[in-house]
Protein backbone atom coordinates (compact mmCIF):
# COMPACT_ATOMS: atom_id res chain seq x y z
CA MET A 1 92.41 2.43 -116.12
CA SER A 2 90.64 1.08 -113.07
CA ALA A 3 91.07 -1.80 -110.73
CA THR A 4 88.91 -3.40 -108.11
CA THR A 5 90.43 -3.20 -104.68
CA ALA A 6 89.83 -5.66 -101.86
CA SER A 7 92.17 -4.84 -99.01
CA ALA A 8 92.55 -6.28 -95.56
CA THR A 9 90.38 -3.41 -94.29
CA GLY A 10 87.39 -4.59 -96.30
CA GLU A 11 87.72 -1.92 -98.95
CA ARG A 12 85.82 -2.93 -102.06
CA ARG A 13 85.60 -0.16 -104.61
CA THR A 14 86.62 0.50 -108.16
CA LEU A 15 89.43 3.03 -107.94
CA THR A 16 91.64 4.43 -110.65
CA GLU A 17 95.41 4.25 -110.51
CA LYS A 18 95.55 7.93 -109.43
CA GLN A 19 93.06 7.28 -106.64
CA HIS A 20 95.12 4.32 -105.43
CA ARG A 21 98.25 6.50 -105.38
CA ILE A 22 96.48 9.22 -103.39
CA LEU A 23 94.98 6.69 -100.99
CA GLU A 24 98.35 5.05 -100.37
CA TYR A 25 99.93 8.47 -99.79
CA LEU A 26 97.24 9.29 -97.22
CA ARG A 27 97.62 5.91 -95.51
CA ASP A 28 101.40 6.31 -95.34
CA ASN A 29 101.11 9.75 -93.75
CA ALA A 30 97.85 9.72 -91.73
CA ASP A 31 99.57 8.51 -88.57
CA THR A 32 101.78 11.62 -88.42
CA GLN A 33 99.57 14.20 -90.13
CA THR A 34 95.84 15.04 -89.98
CA TYR A 35 95.38 17.85 -92.50
CA PHE A 36 96.44 17.58 -96.14
CA LYS A 37 96.29 20.24 -98.85
CA SER A 38 95.43 19.10 -102.37
CA ARG A 39 98.29 21.20 -103.73
CA LEU A 40 100.87 19.54 -101.47
CA ILE A 41 99.58 16.02 -102.18
CA GLY A 42 99.80 16.87 -105.86
CA ASP A 43 103.37 18.09 -105.47
CA GLU A 44 104.35 14.79 -103.83
CA LEU A 45 102.58 12.63 -106.43
CA ASP A 46 103.26 14.73 -109.55
CA LEU A 47 99.55 15.59 -109.95
CA SER A 48 97.78 18.93 -110.10
CA ALA A 49 95.77 20.15 -107.13
CA LYS A 50 92.68 19.89 -109.31
CA GLU A 51 93.42 16.22 -110.09
CA VAL A 52 93.85 15.48 -106.40
CA GLY A 53 90.66 17.31 -105.44
CA SER A 54 88.52 15.60 -108.05
CA ASN A 55 89.80 12.18 -107.01
CA MET A 56 89.51 12.83 -103.26
CA THR A 57 85.71 12.86 -103.54
CA THR A 58 85.75 9.24 -104.73
CA ILE A 59 88.18 8.28 -101.98
CA GLN A 60 86.00 10.13 -99.46
CA ASN A 61 82.96 8.09 -100.56
CA SER A 62 84.83 4.77 -100.67
CA ASP A 63 84.74 2.15 -97.96
CA THR A 64 88.31 2.53 -96.70
CA ASP A 65 90.10 2.49 -93.37
CA LEU A 66 90.42 6.29 -93.54
CA ASP A 67 87.88 8.98 -92.74
CA VAL A 68 88.29 11.80 -95.28
CA GLU A 69 86.50 15.11 -94.80
CA LYS A 70 86.72 18.29 -96.88
CA TRP A 71 87.93 20.85 -94.37
CA GLY A 72 88.87 24.19 -95.94
CA TYR A 73 89.51 26.10 -99.14
CA SER A 74 92.26 28.64 -98.41
CA SER A 75 94.98 28.58 -101.09
CA SER A 76 94.10 24.94 -101.82
CA THR A 77 91.44 22.57 -100.56
CA THR A 78 92.39 21.09 -97.21
CA TRP A 79 91.32 17.58 -96.27
CA LYS A 80 91.04 16.22 -92.74
CA VAL A 81 92.14 12.58 -92.76
CA THR A 82 91.91 10.25 -89.77
CA ALA A 83 92.72 6.58 -89.58
């Protein structure tokens, strides 16, 4: 299932429902947190770390209001997210 997104930030990208959930989670938490582990995002959203990691690449390459950068790999991929 996919949907085209056009947000107030100018985002225009076809994202799946999982990608929307991850993106909203990051937006909701990016003002208080910079680094996110795939495993912990997955725990919050009832997804596996692998599901989060494979969807983060699409989010990273999307035109969003967040800057997403793969940061580290210890015990779970870590993502640096800045608004």
